[in-house]
């Protein structure tokens, strides 16, 4: 029995926390204000489109493009855009973010999606091609908050040195020719809300909506994720969201 596939499970798991990162709604909006005036916004790895839709709500004349490989996520993004009266100002594309060719954007968002570009360095190179001169990047990326334990690295499938510490992350960004204009380090409360929402939404769906074999596989996914978080990377994995100026 195959059960629920990963893309669908991820979309279900983000029902309660559509921001899809350990960032509160208030801090999301604070970060977006630091982007300055925008007319065209690109979100690479957009998920449900919450960052992009919030950016468009804050800039009534702006338009946006969101790109993600997940069909369930793109479907939900389209629904959310329609519900919020933004469907005429945003396009959502089911595609590989790394293959997107659009240019001249005032802001490029890439939050929790650097894997699409092979990591942080590849992301920093790729987003520059989409920016207009003077444009800004909103980047969200993980870092080790202290020395990671073997359990934390195992839970995330990470190798030693694969993630930097907080200062190393900022220095990597600066070495790529960007200057941080503002930043937010996710709090323990934001992390807990995100992780309990992820596992809780998937568990509720499994127990109240799913039939077999989806029920069993979804419960297994939720349980594995919860254990990897609680016994693995909780308190050790940090998340930094940065507003970046291209200094080149």
Protein backbone atom coordinates (compact mmCIF):
# COMPACT_ATOMS: atom_id res chain seq x y z
CA UNK A 1 0.00 0.00 0.00
CA UNK A 2 1.45 3.34 -1.02
CA UNK A 3 -0.54 5.81 1.07
CA UNK A 4 -0.49 9.60 0.81
CA UNK A 5 2.35 11.04 -1.28
CA UNK A 6 4.82 13.52 0.21
CA UNK A 7 3.64 16.59 -1.72
CA UNK A 8 0.03 16.09 -0.68
CA UNK A 9 1.01 15.33 2.92
CA UNK A 10 3.08 18.52 3.06
CA UNK A 11 0.17 20.59 1.74
CA UNK A 12 -2.14 19.09 4.38
CA UNK A 13 0.46 19.61 7.11
CA UNK A 14 0.65 23.34 6.32
CA UNK A 15 -3.11 23.95 6.60
CA UNK A 16 -2.75 25.46 10.06
CA UNK A 17 0.47 27.33 9.33
CA UNK A 18 0.41 28.39 5.66
CA UNK A 19 3.42 30.68 6.10
CA UNK A 20 5.37 27.38 5.89
CA UNK A 21 8.26 28.67 8.01
CA UNK A 22 8.77 29.31 11.74
CA UNK A 23 7.73 32.96 11.37
CA UNK A 24 4.63 34.57 12.89
CA UNK A 25 2.17 36.57 10.80
CA UNK A 26 3.26 39.76 12.56
CA UNK A 27 6.94 39.17 11.86
CA UNK A 28 6.19 38.18 8.25
CA UNK A 29 4.54 41.55 7.70
CA UNK A 30 7.33 43.40 9.47
CA UNK A 31 9.89 41.77 7.19
CA UNK A 32 7.89 42.65 4.09
CA UNK A 33 7.79 46.33 5.03
CA UNK A 34 11.61 46.34 4.88
CA UNK A 35 11.50 45.51 1.19
CA UNK A 36 10.49 49.07 0.42
CA UNK A 37 8.15 50.03 -2.45
CA UNK A 38 7.53 47.18 -4.89
CA UNK A 39 5.70 46.84 -8.19
CA UNK A 40 6.80 43.35 -9.26
CA UNK A 41 7.50 40.52 -6.83
CA UNK A 42 8.77 36.99 -7.51
CA UNK A 43 8.46 34.15 -4.98
CA UNK A 44 10.65 31.12 -5.68
CA UNK A 45 9.41 28.04 -3.84
CA UNK A 46 6.19 29.87 -2.98
CA UNK A 47 4.20 27.04 -1.37
CA UNK A 48 0.71 28.37 -0.58
CA UNK A 49 1.85 31.84 -1.62
CA UNK A 50 1.36 33.43 1.80
CA UNK A 51 4.50 35.59 1.63
CA UNK A 52 3.71 36.74 -1.90
CA UNK A 53 0.02 37.43 -1.21
CA UNK A 54 0.89 39.42 1.90
CA UNK A 55 3.38 41.46 -0.14
CA UNK A 56 0.68 42.26 -2.71
CA UNK A 57 -1.83 43.19 -0.01
CA UNK A 58 0.71 45.68 1.35
CA UNK A 59 1.30 47.17 -2.12
CA UNK A 60 -2.11 47.62 -3.81
CA UNK A 61 -0.68 48.26 -7.30
CA UNK A 62 1.93 45.49 -7.30
CA UNK A 63 1.83 42.24 -9.24
CA UNK A 64 3.53 38.96 -8.47
CA UNK A 65 4.63 35.56 -9.72
CA UNK A 66 4.93 32.47 -7.53
CA UNK A 67 6.74 29.31 -8.59
CA UNK A 68 6.63 25.89 -6.92
CA UNK A 69 6.90 22.26 -8.01
CA UNK A 70 4.04 21.08 -5.76
CA UNK A 71 0.72 20.74 -7.55
CA UNK A 72 -1.29 20.68 -4.27
CA UNK A 73 0.49 23.81 -3.04
CA UNK A 74 -0.10 25.71 -6.28
CA UNK A 75 -3.76 24.72 -6.23
CA UNK A 76 -4.10 26.07 -2.71
CA UNK A 77 -2.23 29.25 -3.63
CA UNK A 78 -4.65 29.91 -6.48
CA UNK A 79 -7.61 29.38 -4.14
CA UNK A 80 -6.18 31.72 -1.53
CA UNK A 81 -5.48 34.41 -4.13
CA UNK A 82 -9.09 34.24 -5.34
CA UNK A 83 -10.48 34.36 -1.81
CA UNK A 84 -8.45 37.49 -1.06
CA UNK A 85 -9.33 39.28 -4.30
CA UNK A 86 -5.79 39.04 -5.68
CA UNK A 87 -6.26 36.61 -8.56
CA UNK A 88 -5.89 39.36 -11.17
CA UNK A 89 -2.56 40.51 -9.75
CA UNK A 90 -0.72 37.21 -9.29
CA UNK A 91 0.31 34.23 -11.39
CA UNK A 92 1.23 30.90 -9.83
CA UNK A 93 3.30 28.47 -11.88
CA UNK A 94 3.82 24.78 -11.19
CA UNK A 95 7.45 24.60 -12.23
CA UNK A 96 11.02 24.23 -11.04
CA UNK A 97 12.04 27.48 -9.34
CA UNK A 98 15.61 26.99 -10.52
CA UNK A 99 14.44 27.06 -14.14
CA UNK A 100 12.45 30.29 -13.91
CA UNK A 101 13.67 32.95 -16.34
CA UNK A 102 11.82 36.10 -15.33
CA UNK A 103 13.88 39.25 -14.66
CA UNK A 104 13.49 42.85 -13.53
CA UNK A 105 11.67 42.19 -10.24
CA UNK A 106 11.74 44.73 -7.43
CA UNK A 107 11.86 41.93 -4.86
CA UNK A 108 12.63 38.22 -4.97
CA UNK A 109 11.43 36.01 -2.11
CA UNK A 110 12.98 32.64 -1.30
CA UNK A 111 12.01 31.46 2.17
CA UNK A 112 12.92 27.94 3.20
CA UNK A 113 13.48 26.88 -0.40
CA UNK A 114 17.23 27.08 -0.99
CA UNK A 115 17.22 23.32 -1.63
CA UNK A 116 15.68 24.13 -5.03
CA UNK A 117 18.99 25.72 -6.01
CA UNK A 118 21.31 23.19 -4.42
CA UNK A 119 21.83 25.22 -1.26
CA UNK A 120 22.48 28.74 -0.07
CA UNK A 121 25.33 29.63 -2.43
CA UNK A 122 23.38 28.52 -5.50
CA UNK A 123 20.33 30.45 -4.32
CA UNK A 124 22.27 33.67 -3.85
CA UNK A 125 23.65 33.39 -7.39
CA UNK A 126 20.29 32.51 -8.91
CA UNK A 127 18.12 35.22 -7.37
CA UNK A 128 20.40 38.00 -8.58
CA UNK A 129 19.46 37.21 -12.18
CA UNK A 130 15.81 37.99 -11.38
CA UNK A 131 16.39 41.35 -9.66
CA UNK A 132 16.26 44.80 -11.16
CA UNK A 133 19.17 47.09 -10.22
CA UNK A 134 18.52 48.22 -6.65
CA UNK A 135 16.07 45.41 -5.98
CA UNK A 136 15.97 43.45 -2.73
CA UNK A 137 15.86 39.82 -1.69
CA UNK A 138 13.90 38.26 1.17
CA UNK A 139 15.76 35.10 2.10
CA UNK A 140 14.86 32.53 4.76
CA UNK A 141 17.44 29.87 5.69
CA UNK A 142 18.33 27.50 8.51
CA UNK A 143 21.46 27.57 10.67
CA UNK A 144 22.86 25.63 13.60
CA UNK A 145 22.17 27.32 16.92
CA UNK A 146 25.25 25.94 18.69
CA UNK A 147 27.03 22.67 17.99
CA UNK A 148 24.54 20.16 16.56
CA UNK A 149 24.20 16.77 18.19
CA UNK A 150 24.39 13.56 16.14
CA UNK A 151 20.63 13.20 16.73
CA UNK A 152 19.94 16.61 15.22
CA UNK A 153 22.07 15.92 12.15
CA UNK A 154 20.47 12.49 11.71
CA UNK A 155 16.95 13.91 11.98
CA UNK A 156 17.65 16.44 9.24
CA UNK A 157 19.85 14.19 7.12
CA UNK A 158 22.59 16.81 7.46
CA UNK A 159 26.33 16.32 7.31
CA UNK A 160 28.75 18.11 9.66
CA UNK A 161 29.37 21.58 8.33
CA UNK A 162 26.45 21.44 5.91
CA UNK A 163 24.72 24.31 7.72
CA UNK A 164 26.57 27.37 9.08
CA UNK A 165 26.07 29.02 12.42
CA UNK A 166 24.25 32.37 12.54
CA UNK A 167 27.32 34.51 11.91
CA UNK A 168 28.53 32.13 9.22
CA UNK A 169 25.21 32.44 7.42
CA UNK A 170 25.42 36.22 7.41
CA UNK A 171 29.03 36.15 6.26
CA UNK A 172 28.15 33.76 3.40
CA UNK A 173 25.50 36.22 2.25
CA UNK A 174 27.96 39.12 2.39
CA UNK A 175 30.62 37.14 0.54
CA UNK A 176 28.12 36.70 -2.30
CA UNK A 177 27.82 40.47 -2.68
CA UNK A 178 24.72 41.18 -0.59
CA UNK A 179 24.35 43.41 2.45
CA UNK A 180 21.76 42.57 5.12
CA UNK A 181 19.27 45.40 5.56
CA UNK A 182 17.13 43.73 8.21
CA UNK A 183 16.79 40.32 9.80
CA UNK A 184 14.65 38.19 12.04
CA UNK A 185 15.78 35.14 14.01
CA UNK A 186 12.82 32.86 14.68
CA UNK A 187 11.98 32.43 18.36
CA UNK A 188 11.42 29.15 20.19
CA UNK A 189 7.72 30.05 20.32
CA UNK A 190 7.58 30.50 16.54
CA UNK A 191 9.36 27.18 16.04
CA UNK A 192 7.01 25.32 18.40
CA UNK A 193 3.92 26.82 16.77
CA UNK A 194 5.18 25.82 13.34
CA UNK A 195 6.13 22.24 14.28
CA UNK A 196 3.04 21.51 16.38
CA UNK A 197 0.89 22.92 13.56
CA UNK A 198 2.69 20.73 10.98
CA UNK A 199 2.26 17.50 12.90
CA UNK A 200 -1.15 18.44 14.30
CA UNK A 201 -2.79 19.31 10.99
CA UNK A 202 -1.57 16.10 9.38
CA UNK A 203 -2.67 14.03 12.38
CA UNK A 204 -6.13 15.59 12.41
CA UNK A 205 -6.58 14.96 8.71
CA UNK A 206 -5.49 11.36 9.08
CA UNK A 207 -7.92 10.69 11.93
CA UNK A 208 -10.94 12.64 10.67
CA UNK A 209 -10.81 12.67 6.86
CA UNK A 210 -8.47 10.07 5.40
CA UNK A 211 -9.25 6.52 4.46
CA UNK A 212 -6.81 3.65 4.28
CA UNK A 213 -4.01 3.47 3.28
CA UNK A 214 -3.67 7.28 3.53
CA UNK A 215 -4.61 7.27 7.21
CA UNK A 216 -1.81 4.96 8.27
CA UNK A 217 0.86 6.59 6.12
CA UNK A 218 -0.11 10.11 7.22
CA UNK A 219 0.00 9.13 10.89
CA UNK A 220 3.40 7.56 10.33
CA UNK A 221 4.70 10.72 8.63
CA UNK A 222 3.39 12.92 11.44
CA UNK A 223 4.87 10.65 14.10
CA UNK A 224 8.27 10.47 12.42
CA UNK A 225 8.40 14.23 11.95
CA UNK A 226 7.40 14.86 15.56
CA UNK A 227 10.07 12.50 16.88
CA UNK A 228 12.78 13.97 14.63
CA UNK A 229 11.89 17.42 15.91
CA UNK A 230 11.48 16.68 19.62
CA UNK A 231 14.33 14.19 19.96
CA UNK A 232 16.51 15.69 17.25
CA UNK A 233 16.72 19.30 16.16
CA UNK A 234 14.43 21.18 18.59
CA UNK A 235 16.45 24.03 20.08
CA UNK A 236 19.37 23.35 17.74
CA UNK A 237 18.09 24.36 14.32
CA UNK A 238 17.64 28.09 13.93
CA UNK A 239 15.95 30.04 11.14
CA UNK A 240 17.03 33.44 9.88
CA UNK A 241 14.99 35.61 7.53
CA UNK A 242 16.96 38.43 5.93
CA UNK A 243 16.15 41.41 3.74
CA UNK A 244 19.16 41.77 1.43
CA UNK A 245 20.47 44.59 -0.75
CA UNK A 246 22.49 43.61 -3.80
CA UNK A 247 25.78 45.43 -3.23
CA UNK A 248 27.39 44.51 -6.53
